[in-house]
Protein backbone atom coordinates (compact mmCIF):
# COMPACT_ATOMS: atom_id res chain seq x y z
CA MET A 1 7.64 7.12 -19.06
CA THR A 2 4.01 6.34 -20.20
CA ASN A 3 4.63 3.13 -21.79
CA THR A 4 7.47 0.72 -22.81
CA THR A 5 7.85 -1.71 -25.16
CA ILE A 6 9.35 -4.80 -23.75
CA PRO A 7 12.65 -5.74 -25.05
CA ARG A 8 12.83 -8.34 -27.85
CA SER A 9 10.45 -8.11 -31.10
CA ALA A 10 7.83 -5.87 -32.73
CA THR A 11 4.19 -7.36 -32.93
CA PRO A 12 4.53 -9.45 -36.30
CA ASP A 13 1.84 -8.10 -38.77
CA ASN A 14 -0.29 -11.10 -38.31
CA LEU A 15 -0.80 -10.88 -34.57
CA THR A 16 -3.13 -8.48 -32.61
CA PRO A 17 -1.36 -5.74 -30.71
CA LEU A 18 -0.82 -6.58 -26.68
CA TYR A 19 -0.85 -4.21 -23.73
CA ASN A 20 -0.43 -4.73 -20.11
CA VAL A 21 -2.11 -2.12 -18.11
CA TYR A 22 -1.24 -1.40 -14.72
CA ARG A 23 0.20 1.60 -12.17
CA TYR A 24 3.31 1.07 -13.70
CA ASP A 25 5.24 3.20 -10.80
CA GLN A 26 8.79 3.33 -11.90
CA THR A 27 9.84 4.52 -8.50
CA ASN A 28 8.36 1.54 -6.87
CA ILE A 29 10.50 -1.51 -7.14
CA GLY A 30 7.84 -3.96 -6.93
CA ASP A 31 5.76 -2.08 -9.23
CA SER A 32 8.54 -1.71 -11.87
CA VAL A 33 9.21 -5.70 -12.17
CA LEU A 34 5.77 -7.07 -11.44
CA SER A 35 4.69 -7.41 -15.73
CA PRO A 36 4.25 -11.18 -17.17
CA LEU A 37 5.49 -9.47 -20.53
CA PHE A 38 8.85 -9.21 -18.94
CA TYR A 39 8.80 -13.23 -18.23
CA PHE A 40 7.40 -15.21 -21.08
CA ASP A 41 8.63 -15.21 -24.38
CA HIS A 42 5.04 -15.06 -26.18
CA LEU A 43 4.36 -12.06 -24.37
CA ARG A 44 7.49 -10.13 -25.31
CA ARG A 45 6.07 -8.08 -27.92
CA GLY A 46 3.84 -6.65 -25.76
CA GLU A 47 3.98 -2.68 -24.42
CA ILE A 48 2.96 -1.58 -20.96
CA ILE A 49 0.57 1.32 -20.50
CA ASP A 50 0.62 2.92 -17.23
CA VAL A 51 -3.11 3.63 -15.83
CA GLU A 52 -2.09 6.79 -13.97
CA ALA A 53 0.31 8.18 -17.18
CA HIS A 54 -0.93 12.05 -17.71
CA ASN A 55 -1.78 11.19 -21.65
CA PHE A 56 -3.88 8.01 -20.50
CA ASN A 57 -6.82 9.22 -22.07
CA GLN A 58 -4.96 9.11 -25.37
CA GLN A 59 -3.09 5.86 -24.58
CA VAL A 60 -6.33 3.66 -23.82
CA GLU A 61 -7.42 4.31 -27.09
CA ARG A 62 -4.92 2.34 -28.51
CA VAL A 63 -6.85 -1.05 -27.07
CA ARG A 64 -10.02 -0.83 -29.47
CA GLY A 65 -9.42 -4.07 -31.04
CA ALA A 66 -6.16 -5.27 -29.07
CA ASP A 67 -5.32 -8.12 -26.72
CA VAL A 68 -5.24 -6.10 -23.14
CA VAL A 69 -3.60 -7.76 -19.82
CA ILE A 70 -5.17 -5.83 -16.62
CA GLY A 71 -2.58 -6.49 -13.57
CA GLY A 72 -1.33 -4.85 -10.50
CA SER A 73 -3.59 -3.45 -7.86
CA LEU A 74 -7.31 -2.78 -8.01
CA TYR A 75 -6.67 0.46 -5.59
CA LYS A 76 -9.76 2.84 -5.86
CA ASN A 77 -7.69 5.19 -8.08
CA PHE A 78 -6.97 2.99 -10.68
CA LYS A 79 -10.20 1.36 -11.16
CA PRO A 80 -11.62 4.15 -13.40
CA GLY A 81 -8.83 3.43 -15.79
CA PHE A 82 -9.44 -0.46 -15.97
CA GLU A 83 -13.14 0.53 -16.97
CA GLN A 84 -12.14 2.70 -19.38
CA VAL A 85 -10.06 0.18 -21.22
CA ARG A 86 -13.11 -2.48 -21.39
CA ALA A 87 -15.14 0.88 -22.37
CA ASN A 88 -12.79 0.66 -25.61
CA LYS A 89 -13.43 -2.75 -26.36
CA PRO A 90 -10.42 -4.66 -26.78
CA LYS A 91 -10.58 -8.10 -28.21
CA HIS A 92 -9.66 -10.18 -25.33
CA LEU A 93 -9.35 -8.71 -21.84
CA ILE A 94 -7.27 -10.77 -19.37
CA ALA A 95 -6.88 -10.42 -15.37
CA TRP A 96 -3.20 -11.61 -14.63
CA GLY A 97 -1.89 -11.21 -10.80
CA LEU A 98 -4.67 -8.47 -10.36
CA GLY A 99 -5.36 -7.84 -6.70
CA HIS A 100 -7.67 -5.98 -4.37
CA ASN A 101 -6.15 -3.24 -2.60
CA ASP A 102 -8.29 -1.17 -0.16
CA TYR A 103 -7.21 0.58 2.71
CA GLY A 104 -8.45 1.09 6.26
CA THR A 105 -10.72 -2.27 6.10
CA THR A 106 -10.67 -5.91 6.32
CA GLU A 107 -13.84 -6.26 4.27
CA VAL A 108 -12.92 -7.75 0.59
CA ILE A 109 -14.74 -6.49 -2.37
CA LEU A 110 -13.90 -7.34 -5.70
CA PRO A 111 -15.25 -5.22 -8.43
CA SER A 112 -18.05 -6.80 -10.62
CA PHE A 113 -16.58 -5.68 -14.02
CA LEU A 114 -14.35 -8.70 -13.55
CA GLU A 115 -17.23 -11.15 -14.86
CA GLU A 116 -16.79 -9.01 -18.06
CA TYR A 117 -13.56 -10.35 -18.63
CA ASP A 118 -12.27 -13.11 -20.87
CA LEU A 119 -9.94 -14.81 -18.51
CA VAL A 120 -9.27 -13.94 -14.81
CA GLY A 121 -6.43 -14.77 -12.57
CA LEU A 122 -5.92 -13.09 -9.20
CA ARG A 123 -3.10 -12.91 -6.96
CA ASP A 124 -5.52 -13.08 -4.03
CA TYR A 125 -6.09 -16.67 -2.82
CA GLY A 126 -9.35 -18.59 -1.85
CA THR A 127 -11.49 -16.32 -4.29
CA LYS A 128 -13.89 -17.74 -6.83
CA TYR A 129 -11.24 -16.86 -9.36
CA GLU A 130 -8.47 -18.73 -10.17
CA TRP A 131 -5.05 -18.22 -8.12
CA VAL A 132 -2.39 -16.63 -10.08
CA PRO A 133 0.02 -14.58 -8.03
CA CYS A 134 2.45 -12.08 -9.20
CA ALA A 135 4.38 -12.85 -12.24
CA SER A 136 7.71 -11.42 -10.69
CA CYS A 137 7.93 -15.05 -9.10
CA MET A 138 9.72 -15.85 -12.06
CA ARG A 139 12.72 -14.17 -11.59
CA SER A 140 16.02 -15.56 -10.87
CA GLU A 141 16.73 -13.80 -8.05
CA LEU A 142 14.36 -15.88 -5.72
CA GLU A 143 16.63 -19.21 -6.71
CA ASN A 144 19.63 -20.24 -4.45
CA VAL A 145 19.23 -17.39 -2.36
CA GLY A 146 21.93 -18.84 0.00
CA GLU A 147 22.42 -18.51 3.73
CA PRO A 148 21.18 -15.46 5.36
CA GLN A 149 23.87 -12.83 6.91
CA HIS A 150 21.40 -11.41 9.65
CA ASP A 151 18.95 -12.94 11.68
CA ILE A 152 16.17 -9.78 11.11
CA VAL A 153 16.11 -7.26 8.26
CA VAL A 154 13.61 -4.28 7.94
CA TYR A 155 12.13 -3.74 4.25
CA ASP A 156 9.94 -0.29 4.41
CA HIS A 157 7.11 0.76 1.99
CA LYS A 158 8.53 3.84 0.78
CA SER A 159 5.14 5.77 1.24
CA ARG A 160 4.82 4.41 5.00
CA PRO A 161 8.07 3.55 7.00
CA LEU A 162 8.15 1.62 9.87
CA PRO A 163 9.03 3.49 13.31
CA ASP A 164 12.72 4.58 14.20
CA THR A 165 12.61 1.96 16.64
CA PHE A 166 13.40 -0.50 13.68
CA ASP A 167 16.63 1.08 12.82
CA GLN A 168 18.54 -1.56 15.13
CA PHE A 169 18.40 -3.83 12.33
CA PRO A 170 19.60 -3.35 8.60
CA ARG A 171 16.65 -1.80 6.70
CA TYR A 172 16.12 -0.67 2.69
CA SER A 173 12.56 0.25 1.01
CA ASN A 174 10.75 -0.32 -1.75
CA GLU A 175 11.49 3.32 -3.16
CA GLY A 176 13.48 3.06 -6.71
CA ASN A 177 13.96 0.51 -9.45
CA SER A 178 17.26 -1.34 -8.27
CA ILE A 179 15.52 -4.98 -8.06
CA GLY A 180 19.09 -6.47 -7.90
CA ARG A 181 19.71 -4.73 -5.03
CA ALA A 182 16.43 -5.04 -3.31
CA MET A 183 16.60 -9.07 -3.74
CA SER A 184 20.17 -8.97 -2.46
CA PHE A 185 18.80 -7.01 0.75
CA LEU A 186 15.66 -9.33 1.18
CA LYS A 187 17.76 -12.59 1.09
CA SER A 188 20.42 -11.44 3.63
CA GLY A 189 17.58 -11.52 6.46
CA GLU A 190 16.71 -14.98 8.22
CA THR A 191 13.51 -13.04 9.23
CA ILE A 192 11.85 -10.14 7.24
CA LEU A 193 10.05 -7.87 8.75
CA THR A 194 8.10 -5.45 6.30
CA ASN A 195 4.77 -3.56 5.34
CA SER A 196 5.30 -3.76 1.54
CA TYR A 197 3.41 -6.33 -0.40
CA HIS A 198 6.16 -7.34 -2.61
CA GLY A 199 8.53 -7.38 0.15
CA ALA A 200 6.60 -9.97 1.77
CA TYR A 201 5.68 -11.69 -1.41
CA TRP A 202 9.62 -12.24 -2.13
CA GLY A 203 10.76 -13.12 1.45
CA ILE A 204 7.99 -15.94 1.09
CA LEU A 205 9.28 -17.06 -2.19
CA MET A 206 13.01 -17.10 -1.24
CA GLY A 207 12.16 -19.64 2.15
CA ARG A 208 12.50 -16.92 4.15
CA LYS A 209 10.47 -16.13 7.55
CA VAL A 210 8.09 -13.05 7.10
CA VAL A 211 6.39 -10.63 9.19
CA VAL A 212 4.13 -8.15 8.02
CA LEU A 213 4.12 -5.28 10.49
CA ASN A 214 1.07 -2.42 10.49
CA PRO A 215 -0.79 -4.11 7.46
CA PHE A 216 -2.74 -0.70 5.97
CA SER A 217 -4.38 -2.78 3.09
CA THR A 218 -6.22 -5.86 1.98
CA LYS A 219 -3.95 -6.63 -0.16
CA PHE A 220 -2.10 -8.72 2.67
CA LEU A 221 -5.32 -10.59 3.32
CA GLY A 222 -4.78 -12.25 -0.14
CA LEU A 223 -1.36 -13.93 0.70
CA LYS A 224 -2.11 -17.77 0.23
CA TYR A 225 0.83 -18.38 2.68
CA PRO A 226 -0.35 -17.59 6.04
CA ILE A 227 2.40 -15.36 7.36
CA PRO A 228 2.07 -13.34 10.84
CA GLN A 229 0.59 -9.66 10.77
CA ALA A 230 1.00 -7.64 13.64
CA SER A 231 1.59 -4.07 14.76
CA ALA A 232 4.89 -2.97 15.23
CA GLU A 233 4.56 -2.77 19.06
CA ASP A 234 3.95 -6.81 19.17
CA TRP A 235 6.67 -7.51 16.46
CA GLN A 236 8.50 -9.89 18.78
CA ARG A 237 5.60 -12.12 19.13
CA ALA A 238 4.60 -12.37 15.76
CA VAL A 239 8.56 -13.12 14.73
CA ASN A 240 8.22 -16.38 17.23
CA ASN A 241 5.00 -17.58 15.31
CA ALA A 242 6.76 -16.75 11.50
CA ARG A 243 7.93 -19.96 9.38
CA PRO A 244 9.28 -20.48 6.00
CA PHE A 245 7.13 -21.68 2.88
CA PRO A 246 10.00 -23.89 1.18
CA GLU A 247 7.02 -24.63 -1.40
CA ALA A 248 6.35 -21.34 -2.58
CA LEU A 249 8.36 -20.29 -5.18
CA GLN A 250 7.69 -23.48 -7.30
CA GLU A 251 3.70 -23.34 -6.49
CA THR A 252 3.56 -19.47 -7.63
CA ARG A 253 5.61 -20.25 -11.00
CA SER A 254 3.65 -23.60 -12.22
CA ALA A 255 0.27 -21.61 -11.61
CA ASN A 256 1.57 -18.71 -13.54
CA ARG A 257 3.22 -21.18 -16.16
CA SER A 258 -0.18 -22.71 -16.38
CA PHE A 259 -2.04 -19.28 -16.63
CA ALA A 260 0.41 -18.03 -19.31
CA THR A 261 -0.51 -21.28 -21.67
CA LYS A 262 -4.44 -20.28 -21.21
CA VAL A 263 -3.41 -16.70 -22.23
CA SER A 264 -1.55 -18.04 -25.39
CA GLU A 265 -4.21 -20.26 -26.46
CA LEU A 266 -6.89 -17.29 -26.09
CA ILE A 267 -5.04 -14.72 -27.76
CA ALA A 268 -4.32 -17.30 -30.51
CA ALA A 269 -7.52 -18.18 -31.11
């Protein structure tokens, strides 16, 4: 799919069209559910445009004069598409839950084009911009998670599976679009070993202990909550240093609700 209409109502005649542009990968569980259009009623009229859609050059023409939310990852392959959006002169340009994602480095460099946005909320903590973590924190599966069934579970990134030595533990990956199964799996572990951004993020929000193994991107450096990061060989030491963050769900939701109000005020002006 190249774009998706969010279920609810169509755009009324008196409202500017609304688009959320990001890498909408429906074979990646995190990417398939991160849009704020899914979680806030005043945004449900919007549409998603995949920045890597085969007909993106045609799709992006629709944003001229529209309200546009840019989200997800600032991976190098997506930045030209985000710049195309800006070049098509939307009415308002908003970053929501956007985050750096550079491989093979620990140097974080945010693109200068963010200075041209009307409103900026980044999922990365500690930048000069407002902290607005991924809107998937609004999902109901993160509430009332109950007691874990396993001491340790492993949640792989589909493109970078952890070594076979971790087969001793229950395993799942972020491949596909079954958010219900993914959430049920994550909440089953007292400690989650992962190299998936959303695996780590959702585990934190569930109040579980989380360890990032073999971190391959700067995106793991932007998490507000200081979870251990280690090589796969050093996982046991890292587990001993892991702890839950019971305040995380409330804090991330509060940040998103506050930002949603700012977005509503901006696009209504």
